């Protein structure tokens, strides 16, 4: 009887120990889950922020210079677009006026022709043919004179009664037409002086990214120019790189007087200053560029007709009212006719 009691007590003690172990394991699992939940919440509330990258003063200055160049390029492109739109509008209005004049002339001629007899119409037709042939003969004579003045290395020159527009390459002489008065613009002379002056002013760019200088006057005009840094992307063996260089950003020609030059009638007469400048050049190698304001479009046609009869190519550059003659490395060339 005593052995049996001992055996039952031993089995009961083992079950209790297993229960205790199971409870401890359960408690440890619950504690691990609680710690993991708290850790996850803590990470979500306090995310790690990477340290800020340090930037040097030189890099900041370089970024500022690049931003200024980009802004200048945007403004220059906007100015170019406005000039192109103004020139296109001027060309369109000139074409419309010419077409309207031609239409009215054709209608008037047709009305008069219908009111005439058959014999009179035949006479008018013959007279018209005679005038056309006479005009063509005169143009051929002028072409022959121009050919006789050409140098031996020039082989062919085309004469077109209605000239086609071509981009100007070679020698170019400039004039300004404003309020019915035309004046010589010493463009090349002032640009040559600007090149020499800019070489002596480069040292100022050590303290400033852009400088403005003025030279002149020459023949009644001053030249104001901006000198500064530009950035270009160049291809190298290691890939594209940003190259910085110094160049002229923009120039303006400023007249020293509000009234400058000769009236149209005096300028087209023999012995005028305009004719003296023109006769110093050779027709087949020189383009006459006239910067014209809106108040002088009609007078420009007179100069264009006279220059064409003398064998010169003429280029018109319209200028908005109140703006000076200007140029830049990224500007457009004149178009001659």
Protein backbone atom coordinates (compact mmCIF):
# COMPACT_ATOMS: atom_id res chain seq x y z
CA UNK A 1 0.00 0.00 0.00
CA UNK A 2 2.79 2.49 0.77
CA UNK A 3 4.60 1.94 -2.55
CA UNK A 4 1.51 2.73 -4.57
CA UNK A 5 1.03 6.07 -2.81
CA UNK A 6 4.62 7.05 -3.58
CA UNK A 7 4.24 6.16 -7.24
CA UNK A 8 1.11 8.28 -7.71
CA UNK A 9 2.71 11.28 -5.99
CA UNK A 10 5.72 11.10 -8.37
CA UNK A 11 3.52 11.16 -11.51
CA UNK A 12 1.52 14.14 -10.21
CA UNK A 13 4.71 16.19 -9.65
CA UNK A 14 5.91 15.65 -13.27
CA UNK A 15 2.66 17.00 -14.77
CA UNK A 16 2.88 20.14 -12.69
CA UNK A 17 6.47 20.77 -13.87
CA UNK A 18 5.43 20.44 -17.52
CA UNK A 19 2.59 22.90 -17.01
CA UNK A 20 4.96 25.39 -15.49
CA UNK A 21 7.42 25.08 -18.42
CA UNK A 22 4.59 25.51 -20.94
CA UNK A 23 3.37 28.64 -19.16
CA UNK A 24 6.88 30.13 -19.10
CA UNK A 25 7.33 29.50 -22.84
CA UNK A 26 3.99 31.16 -23.56
CA UNK A 27 4.94 34.17 -21.45
CA UNK A 28 8.31 34.49 -23.27
CA UNK A 29 6.59 34.37 -26.66
CA UNK A 30 4.16 37.10 -25.60
CA UNK A 31 7.06 39.25 -24.29
CA UNK A 32 8.96 38.85 -27.59
CA UNK A 33 5.88 39.94 -29.58
CA UNK A 34 5.35 42.97 -27.34
CA UNK A 35 9.01 44.02 -27.75
CA UNK A 36 8.80 43.66 -31.54
CA UNK A 37 5.58 45.74 -31.74
CA UNK A 38 7.09 48.51 -29.61
CA UNK A 39 10.27 48.51 -31.68
CA UNK A 40 8.30 48.77 -34.93
CA UNK A 41 6.21 51.66 -33.60
CA UNK A 42 9.31 53.46 -32.38
CA UNK A 43 10.97 53.19 -35.82
CA UNK A 44 7.83 54.45 -37.54
CA UNK A 45 7.62 57.48 -35.23
CA UNK A 46 11.34 58.35 -35.43
CA UNK A 47 12.61 57.56 -38.94
CA UNK A 48 16.31 58.01 -39.50
CA UNK A 49 17.14 61.12 -41.53
CA UNK A 50 20.31 60.94 -43.60
CA UNK A 51 22.80 63.67 -42.79
CA UNK A 52 22.71 66.70 -45.14
CA UNK A 53 25.44 66.86 -47.74
CA UNK A 54 27.82 69.75 -47.26
CA UNK A 55 28.16 72.20 -50.20
CA UNK A 56 31.18 74.46 -50.61
CA UNK A 57 30.97 78.18 -51.32
CA UNK A 58 32.62 77.62 -54.71
CA UNK A 59 29.90 75.17 -55.74
CA UNK A 60 27.20 77.65 -54.65
CA UNK A 61 28.87 80.43 -56.67
CA UNK A 62 29.19 78.18 -59.71
CA UNK A 63 25.49 77.24 -59.51
CA UNK A 64 24.54 80.92 -59.21
CA UNK A 65 26.62 81.84 -62.29
CA UNK A 66 25.04 79.00 -64.30
CA UNK A 67 21.55 80.15 -63.23
CA UNK A 68 22.33 83.72 -64.31
CA UNK A 69 23.56 82.48 -67.71
CA UNK A 70 20.40 80.43 -68.20
CA UNK A 71 18.24 83.43 -67.32
CA UNK A 72 20.21 85.65 -69.75
CA UNK A 73 19.81 83.05 -72.49
CA UNK A 74 16.05 82.90 -71.89
CA UNK A 75 15.76 86.70 -72.05
CA UNK A 76 17.88 86.81 -75.22
CA UNK A 77 15.75 84.12 -76.87
CA UNK A 78 12.61 86.05 -75.93
CA UNK A 79 14.09 89.23 -77.46
CA UNK A 80 15.02 87.33 -80.63
CA UNK A 81 11.49 85.90 -80.91
CA UNK A 82 9.99 89.38 -80.55
CA UNK A 83 12.29 90.75 -83.26
CA UNK A 84 11.42 87.88 -85.59
CA UNK A 85 7.70 88.39 -85.01
CA UNK A 86 8.07 92.11 -85.68
CA UNK A 87 10.00 91.48 -88.90
CA UNK A 88 7.47 88.87 -90.07
CA UNK A 89 4.62 91.28 -89.41
CA UNK A 90 6.42 93.98 -91.37
CA UNK A 91 7.02 91.63 -94.31
CA UNK A 92 3.37 90.53 -94.28
CA UNK A 93 2.05 94.10 -94.27
CA UNK A 94 4.44 95.08 -97.09
CA UNK A 95 3.34 92.05 -99.14
CA UNK A 96 -0.34 92.84 -98.54
CA UNK A 97 0.12 96.44 -99.66
CA UNK A 98 1.91 95.35 -102.82
CA UNK A 99 -0.73 92.72 -103.61
CA UNK A 100 -3.49 95.26 -103.04
CA UNK A 101 -1.79 97.79 -105.34
CA UNK A 102 -1.32 95.13 -108.04
CA UNK A 103 -4.95 94.02 -107.76
CA UNK A 104 -6.25 97.58 -108.06
CA UNK A 105 -3.98 98.24 -111.04
CA UNK A 106 -5.15 95.09 -112.80
CA UNK A 107 -8.79 95.96 -112.20
CA UNK A 108 -8.30 99.49 -113.49
CA UNK A 109 -6.42 98.24 -116.54
CA UNK A 110 -9.10 95.64 -117.26
CA UNK A 111 -11.85 98.26 -116.98
CA UNK A 112 -10.09 100.63 -119.35
CA UNK A 113 -9.25 97.81 -121.75
CA UNK A 114 -12.89 96.72 -121.99
CA UNK A 115 -13.96 100.25 -122.86
CA UNK A 116 -11.54 100.48 -125.83
CA UNK A 117 -11.97 99.22 -129.35
CA UNK A 118 -10.18 96.20 -130.79
CA UNK A 119 -7.59 98.39 -132.54
CA UNK A 120 -6.87 100.37 -129.39
CA UNK A 121 -6.49 97.20 -127.35
CA UNK A 122 -3.99 95.86 -129.89
CA UNK A 123 -1.99 99.08 -129.70
CA UNK A 124 -1.93 98.97 -125.89
CA UNK A 125 -0.81 95.35 -125.97
CA UNK A 126 2.02 96.18 -128.37
CA UNK A 127 3.07 99.17 -126.24
CA UNK A 128 3.09 96.95 -123.14
CA UNK A 129 5.29 94.39 -124.88
CA UNK A 130 7.62 97.17 -126.04
CA UNK A 131 7.99 98.52 -122.47
CA UNK A 132 8.68 95.02 -121.11
CA UNK A 133 11.33 94.39 -123.77
CA UNK A 134 12.89 97.82 -123.16
CA UNK A 135 13.05 97.10 -119.42
CA UNK A 136 14.63 93.71 -120.04
CA UNK A 137 17.16 95.31 -122.40
CA UNK A 138 18.10 97.87 -119.75
CA UNK A 139 18.57 95.13 -117.17
CA UNK A 140 20.78 93.18 -119.56
CA UNK A 141 22.92 96.29 -120.15
CA UNK A 142 23.35 96.78 -116.39
CA UNK A 143 24.23 93.11 -116.01
CA UNK A 144 26.88 93.44 -118.68
CA UNK A 145 28.37 96.49 -116.95
CA UNK A 146 28.52 94.59 -113.66
CA UNK A 147 30.17 91.63 -115.38
CA UNK A 148 32.84 93.92 -116.84
CA UNK A 149 33.69 95.15 -113.32
CA UNK A 150 34.06 91.67 -111.85
CA UNK A 151 37.46 90.24 -110.91
CA UNK A 152 38.81 87.29 -112.93
CA UNK A 153 38.19 84.81 -110.09
CA UNK A 154 34.44 85.50 -110.19
CA UNK A 155 32.92 83.38 -112.93
CA UNK A 156 29.15 83.91 -112.84
CA UNK A 157 26.77 86.56 -111.56
CA UNK A 158 23.03 86.09 -111.69
CA UNK A 159 20.81 89.08 -112.36
CA UNK A 160 17.27 88.76 -111.12
CA UNK A 161 14.67 91.48 -111.81
CA UNK A 162 12.81 90.17 -108.74
CA UNK A 163 15.69 89.25 -106.38
CA UNK A 164 15.47 86.35 -103.96
CA UNK A 165 16.36 86.81 -100.30
CA UNK A 166 19.83 85.54 -99.33
CA UNK A 167 21.78 85.57 -96.07
CA UNK A 168 24.54 88.18 -96.04
CA UNK A 169 28.12 86.93 -96.14
CA UNK A 170 31.11 89.17 -96.82
CA UNK A 171 31.47 92.96 -96.57
CA UNK A 172 28.50 94.80 -95.09
CA UNK A 173 28.00 98.59 -94.72
CA UNK A 174 25.40 99.80 -92.22
CA UNK A 175 23.01 102.78 -92.16
CA UNK A 176 20.21 103.89 -89.81
CA UNK A 177 16.93 105.28 -91.17
CA UNK A 178 14.78 107.08 -88.60
CA UNK A 179 12.11 109.77 -89.07
CA UNK A 180 13.02 110.16 -92.75
CA UNK A 181 16.75 110.76 -92.10
CA UNK A 182 19.55 108.32 -92.91
CA UNK A 183 22.96 108.23 -91.20
CA UNK A 184 26.07 106.10 -91.57
CA UNK A 185 26.62 103.58 -88.74
CA UNK A 186 30.35 102.86 -88.12
CA UNK A 187 29.63 99.27 -87.10
CA UNK A 188 32.95 97.70 -88.10
CA UNK A 189 35.05 100.57 -86.72
CA UNK A 190 33.37 100.44 -83.32
CA UNK A 191 33.56 96.63 -83.16
CA UNK A 192 37.33 96.78 -83.83
CA UNK A 193 37.72 99.29 -80.99
CA UNK A 194 35.56 97.12 -78.74
CA UNK A 195 37.85 94.12 -79.29
CA UNK A 196 40.89 96.11 -78.23
CA UNK A 197 39.08 97.70 -75.29
CA UNK A 198 37.71 94.36 -74.04
CA UNK A 199 41.21 92.88 -73.78
CA UNK A 200 42.16 95.61 -71.32
CA UNK A 201 38.98 95.18 -69.22
CA UNK A 202 39.06 91.39 -68.73
CA UNK A 203 40.66 91.76 -65.30
CA UNK A 204 37.40 93.26 -63.95
CA UNK A 205 35.71 89.88 -64.37
CA UNK A 206 37.76 88.54 -61.45
CA UNK A 207 35.36 90.35 -59.10
CA UNK A 208 32.20 90.54 -61.23
CA UNK A 209 30.56 87.89 -63.47
CA UNK A 210 29.50 90.57 -65.97
CA UNK A 211 30.68 94.10 -66.82
CA UNK A 212 29.38 96.90 -69.06
CA UNK A 213 31.69 99.29 -70.94
CA UNK A 214 31.16 102.18 -73.42
CA UNK A 215 33.48 103.41 -76.19
CA UNK A 216 33.25 106.18 -78.77
CA UNK A 217 31.77 108.28 -80.16
CA UNK A 218 32.66 107.55 -83.79
CA UNK A 219 30.67 109.27 -86.61
CA UNK A 220 27.93 110.18 -84.15
CA UNK A 221 27.56 106.77 -82.41
CA UNK A 222 28.77 105.22 -79.17
CA UNK A 223 29.07 101.48 -78.55
CA UNK A 224 27.99 99.95 -75.25
CA UNK A 225 28.86 96.30 -74.69
CA UNK A 226 28.49 93.63 -72.01
CA UNK A 227 31.39 91.27 -71.28
CA UNK A 228 31.00 88.15 -69.17
CA UNK A 229 31.24 84.41 -68.73
CA UNK A 230 29.38 81.83 -70.81
CA UNK A 231 29.05 78.09 -70.28
CA UNK A 232 29.22 75.55 -73.10
CA UNK A 233 28.94 71.79 -72.98
CA UNK A 234 31.87 70.17 -74.85
CA UNK A 235 32.46 66.53 -75.64
CA UNK A 236 35.64 64.94 -74.28
CA UNK A 237 37.02 61.43 -74.10
CA UNK A 238 35.68 61.11 -70.57
CA UNK A 239 32.22 62.43 -71.50
CA UNK A 240 30.46 65.82 -71.72
CA UNK A 241 32.00 68.60 -69.63
CA UNK A 242 30.98 72.16 -68.81
CA UNK A 243 33.44 74.69 -70.26
CA UNK A 244 33.44 78.33 -69.14
CA UNK A 245 34.81 81.11 -71.31
CA UNK A 246 34.78 84.92 -71.58
CA UNK A 247 33.03 86.57 -74.53
CA UNK A 248 30.97 89.57 -75.60
CA UNK A 249 27.36 88.98 -74.50
CA UNK A 250 25.62 91.92 -76.23
CA UNK A 251 26.36 95.29 -77.79
CA UNK A 252 24.28 98.38 -78.59
CA UNK A 253 24.97 101.34 -80.88
CA UNK A 254 23.70 104.56 -79.28
CA UNK A 255 23.37 107.79 -81.33
CA UNK A 256 24.77 110.88 -79.62
CA UNK A 257 22.03 113.13 -81.08
CA UNK A 258 18.28 112.70 -81.45
CA UNK A 259 18.38 114.15 -85.00
CA UNK A 260 21.13 112.52 -87.02
CA UNK A 261 21.80 112.08 -90.74
CA UNK A 262 20.50 113.48 -94.05
CA UNK A 263 16.91 113.75 -95.31
CA UNK A 264 15.95 111.20 -97.95
CA UNK A 265 15.92 113.68 -100.86
CA UNK A 266 19.41 115.00 -100.05
CA UNK A 267 20.81 111.54 -99.37
CA UNK A 268 19.73 110.19 -102.80
CA UNK A 269 21.29 113.15 -104.63
CA UNK A 270 24.80 113.01 -106.12
CA UNK A 271 27.51 114.22 -103.78
CA UNK A 272 25.62 113.46 -100.55
CA UNK A 273 27.33 111.76 -97.60
CA UNK A 274 25.23 108.65 -98.21
CA UNK A 275 26.37 108.40 -101.84
CA UNK A 276 29.99 109.04 -100.86
CA UNK A 277 29.94 106.10 -98.46
CA UNK A 278 28.22 103.91 -101.07
CA UNK A 279 30.67 104.72 -103.87
CA UNK A 280 33.64 103.69 -101.69
CA UNK A 281 32.48 100.06 -101.99
CA UNK A 282 32.21 97.52 -104.79
CA UNK A 283 28.60 96.54 -105.72
CA UNK A 284 29.14 92.82 -106.27
CA UNK A 285 30.96 92.25 -102.94
CA UNK A 286 29.10 94.66 -100.63
CA UNK A 287 25.68 94.48 -99.03
CA UNK A 288 24.02 97.70 -97.85
CA UNK A 289 22.18 97.03 -94.58
CA UNK A 290 19.65 99.67 -93.47
CA UNK A 291 18.28 99.55 -89.91
CA UNK A 292 14.82 101.10 -90.32
CA UNK A 293 12.22 102.25 -87.79
CA UNK A 294 8.45 101.95 -88.44
CA UNK A 295 8.16 105.68 -89.22
CA UNK A 296 10.44 105.29 -92.28
CA UNK A 297 9.25 102.11 -94.05
CA UNK A 298 8.07 104.08 -97.11
CA UNK A 299 11.42 105.92 -97.43
CA UNK A 300 13.24 102.58 -97.19
CA UNK A 301 11.65 101.48 -100.47
CA UNK A 302 13.20 104.50 -102.24
CA UNK A 303 16.67 103.56 -101.00
CA UNK A 304 16.11 99.93 -101.94
CA UNK A 305 15.05 100.86 -105.50
CA UNK A 306 18.00 103.24 -105.95
CA UNK A 307 20.56 100.77 -104.63
CA UNK A 308 19.20 97.98 -106.81
CA UNK A 309 19.51 100.18 -109.90
CA UNK A 310 23.16 100.79 -108.93
CA UNK A 311 23.83 97.05 -108.67
CA UNK A 312 23.89 96.81 -104.86
CA UNK A 313 22.19 94.18 -102.72
CA UNK A 314 20.10 95.75 -99.97
CA UNK A 315 19.14 94.25 -96.59
CA UNK A 316 16.46 95.78 -94.36
CA UNK A 317 16.57 95.26 -90.57
CA UNK A 318 13.35 96.61 -88.93
CA UNK A 319 13.77 98.11 -85.46
CA UNK A 320 10.96 98.54 -82.90
CA UNK A 321 10.37 102.14 -81.86
CA UNK A 322 12.66 103.19 -79.01
CA UNK A 323 15.23 100.37 -79.35
CA UNK A 324 18.87 100.79 -80.36
CA UNK A 325 20.80 98.83 -82.97
CA UNK A 326 22.07 95.76 -81.14
CA UNK A 327 23.93 92.52 -81.80
CA UNK A 328 25.04 89.40 -79.95
CA UNK A 329 27.06 86.22 -80.71
CA UNK A 330 23.78 84.29 -81.08
CA UNK A 331 21.94 86.87 -83.23
CA UNK A 332 20.77 86.45 -86.85
CA UNK A 333 22.52 87.65 -90.00
CA UNK A 334 21.00 90.21 -92.36
CA UNK A 335 18.96 89.02 -95.34
CA UNK A 336 19.73 90.85 -98.55
CA UNK A 337 17.72 91.31 -101.74
